[in-house]
């Protein structure tokens, strides 16, 4: 699976929210799936996008 960790020492709550919003936008418009498909099969990319 894929995940991202953000350090509280370097990213404040507002910064973390911006990251979450960006990833959610990528998921919604298909960008995240296209990025996954560069490394994984389409089926795997579809599964990863659910998380």
N, C-alpha and C. Protein backbone atom coordinates (compact mmCIF):
# COMPACT_ATOMS: atom_id res chain seq x y z
N UNK A 1 0.84 -1.19 0.00
CA UNK A 1 0.00 0.00 0.00
C UNK A 1 0.87 1.24 0.00
N UNK A 2 0.26 2.36 -0.21
CA UNK A 2 0.95 3.64 -0.30
C UNK A 2 0.50 4.51 0.85
N UNK A 3 1.40 5.24 1.40
CA UNK A 3 1.05 6.17 2.45
C UNK A 3 2.02 7.34 2.46
N UNK A 4 1.65 8.36 3.17
CA UNK A 4 2.50 9.53 3.29
C UNK A 4 2.48 9.97 4.74
N UNK A 5 3.64 10.24 5.26
CA UNK A 5 3.75 10.74 6.62
C UNK A 5 4.24 12.18 6.58
N UNK A 6 3.64 13.02 7.39
CA UNK A 6 4.06 14.41 7.50
C UNK A 6 4.52 14.65 8.93
N UNK A 7 5.68 15.25 9.08
CA UNK A 7 6.23 15.51 10.40
C UNK A 7 5.58 16.75 11.02
N UNK A 8 5.11 16.61 12.25
CA UNK A 8 4.55 17.77 12.95
C UNK A 8 5.62 18.82 13.23
N UNK A 9 6.89 18.40 13.22
CA UNK A 9 7.99 19.34 13.44
C UNK A 9 8.17 20.28 12.24
N UNK A 10 7.73 19.84 11.06
CA UNK A 10 7.93 20.68 9.87
C UNK A 10 6.64 21.12 9.20
N UNK A 11 5.53 20.43 9.47
CA UNK A 11 4.25 20.76 8.84
C UNK A 11 3.22 21.02 9.93
N UNK A 12 2.64 22.21 9.92
CA UNK A 12 1.60 22.51 10.91
C UNK A 12 0.25 21.96 10.43
N UNK A 13 -0.78 22.11 11.25
CA UNK A 13 -2.10 21.55 10.92
C UNK A 13 -2.65 22.12 9.61
N UNK A 14 -2.46 23.40 9.37
CA UNK A 14 -2.94 24.00 8.12
C UNK A 14 -2.21 23.40 6.92
N UNK A 15 -0.90 23.20 7.05
CA UNK A 15 -0.14 22.58 5.98
C UNK A 15 -0.59 21.15 5.71
N UNK A 16 -0.87 20.40 6.78
CA UNK A 16 -1.35 19.03 6.65
C UNK A 16 -2.71 19.01 5.95
N UNK A 17 -3.57 19.97 6.29
CA UNK A 17 -4.89 20.05 5.64
C UNK A 17 -4.74 20.33 4.15
N UNK A 18 -3.81 21.21 3.81
CA UNK A 18 -3.58 21.50 2.38
C UNK A 18 -3.11 20.25 1.63
N UNK A 19 -2.22 19.46 2.25
CA UNK A 19 -1.78 18.21 1.64
C UNK A 19 -2.96 17.25 1.45
N UNK A 20 -3.79 17.09 2.50
CA UNK A 20 -4.96 16.20 2.40
C UNK A 20 -5.89 16.66 1.29
N UNK A 21 -6.13 17.96 1.22
CA UNK A 21 -7.01 18.50 0.18
C UNK A 21 -6.44 18.25 -1.21
N UNK A 22 -5.12 18.41 -1.35
CA UNK A 22 -4.48 18.19 -2.64
C UNK A 22 -4.59 16.72 -3.06
N UNK A 23 -4.30 15.81 -2.14
CA UNK A 23 -4.39 14.38 -2.46
C UNK A 23 -5.83 14.01 -2.79
N UNK A 24 -6.79 14.54 -2.06
CA UNK A 24 -8.20 14.26 -2.36
C UNK A 24 -8.59 14.79 -3.74
N UNK A 25 -8.08 15.96 -4.11
CA UNK A 25 -8.35 16.52 -5.44
C UNK A 25 -7.71 15.63 -6.52
N UNK A 26 -6.49 15.15 -6.27
CA UNK A 26 -5.83 14.24 -7.22
C UNK A 26 -6.63 12.95 -7.37
N UNK A 27 -7.17 12.47 -6.28
CA UNK A 27 -7.98 11.24 -6.32
C UNK A 27 -9.24 11.49 -7.16
N UNK A 28 -9.88 12.62 -6.94
CA UNK A 28 -11.15 12.94 -7.60
C UNK A 28 -10.98 13.14 -9.12
N UNK A 29 -9.90 13.82 -9.53
CA UNK A 29 -9.74 14.12 -10.96
C UNK A 29 -8.96 13.05 -11.74
N UNK A 30 -8.54 11.98 -11.04
CA UNK A 30 -7.86 10.88 -11.72
C UNK A 30 -6.35 10.99 -11.76
N UNK A 31 -5.79 12.10 -11.30
CA UNK A 31 -4.34 12.29 -11.31
C UNK A 31 -3.65 11.22 -10.48
N UNK A 32 -4.18 10.92 -9.31
CA UNK A 32 -3.56 9.94 -8.43
C UNK A 32 -3.49 8.57 -9.10
N UNK A 33 -4.55 8.16 -9.76
CA UNK A 33 -4.56 6.87 -10.45
C UNK A 33 -3.53 6.86 -11.57
N UNK A 34 -3.43 7.94 -12.33
CA UNK A 34 -2.43 8.00 -13.41
C UNK A 34 -1.02 7.89 -12.86
N UNK A 35 -0.76 8.52 -11.71
CA UNK A 35 0.56 8.41 -11.10
C UNK A 35 0.84 6.98 -10.66
N UNK A 36 -0.14 6.34 -10.03
CA UNK A 36 0.01 4.94 -9.62
C UNK A 36 0.26 4.03 -10.81
N UNK A 37 -0.41 4.29 -11.93
CA UNK A 37 -0.29 3.43 -13.11
C UNK A 37 1.10 3.49 -13.73
N UNK A 38 1.91 4.46 -13.36
CA UNK A 38 3.29 4.49 -13.84
C UNK A 38 4.12 3.38 -13.20
N UNK A 39 3.71 2.95 -12.01
CA UNK A 39 4.47 1.95 -11.26
C UNK A 39 3.76 0.62 -11.10
N UNK A 40 2.44 0.62 -11.21
CA UNK A 40 1.64 -0.57 -10.91
C UNK A 40 0.67 -0.85 -12.05
N UNK A 41 0.07 -2.02 -12.01
CA UNK A 41 -0.96 -2.36 -13.00
C UNK A 41 -2.19 -1.48 -12.75
N UNK A 42 -3.07 -1.42 -13.73
CA UNK A 42 -4.30 -0.63 -13.57
C UNK A 42 -5.14 -1.14 -12.41
N UNK A 43 -5.18 -2.47 -12.24
CA UNK A 43 -5.95 -3.05 -11.14
C UNK A 43 -5.37 -2.63 -9.78
N UNK A 44 -4.04 -2.70 -9.65
CA UNK A 44 -3.40 -2.28 -8.40
C UNK A 44 -3.62 -0.79 -8.16
N UNK A 45 -3.51 0.00 -9.21
CA UNK A 45 -3.71 1.45 -9.08
C UNK A 45 -5.12 1.75 -8.59
N UNK A 46 -6.09 1.02 -9.09
CA UNK A 46 -7.48 1.21 -8.66
C UNK A 46 -7.62 0.89 -7.18
N UNK A 47 -6.98 -0.17 -6.73
CA UNK A 47 -7.05 -0.55 -5.31
C UNK A 47 -6.38 0.51 -4.44
N UNK A 48 -5.22 0.99 -4.84
CA UNK A 48 -4.49 1.98 -4.05
C UNK A 48 -5.28 3.27 -3.91
N UNK A 49 -6.00 3.63 -4.95
CA UNK A 49 -6.72 4.89 -4.95
C UNK A 49 -7.83 4.92 -3.90
N UNK A 50 -8.29 3.77 -3.46
CA UNK A 50 -9.37 3.70 -2.47
C UNK A 50 -8.93 4.16 -1.09
N UNK A 51 -7.64 4.14 -0.81
CA UNK A 51 -7.14 4.46 0.53
C UNK A 51 -6.90 5.93 0.72
